[in-house]
Amino acid sequence: MDPTAMVPIGMGLAAAGMGGAALGIGMIFSKMIESVARQPESEARLSKYAWIGFALVETIALYALVIAFIIMGHGQT
């Protein structure tokens, strides 16, 4: 099999990391909303940790995007 034919498959697999990051971000904010609904006075403290968690999970999506672009660049000859 031609290695350039595998480039779109590799890019798709690398992009699957962005789907996982989207699920992680959704879980972070859904649990934050749930926690604030149970204990409203802890909103300030929880929002700080939620944004830190959001930033960490978002870096995973950016890494997946960079890897997809690297794979795309290696496929062009």
Foldseek 3Di string as FASTA:
>chain_A
DDPLVCLVVQLVVLQVQLVVLVVQLVVLVVVLVVVCVVPVVCNVVSVVVSVVSNVVSVVSNVVSNVSSVVSVVVSPD
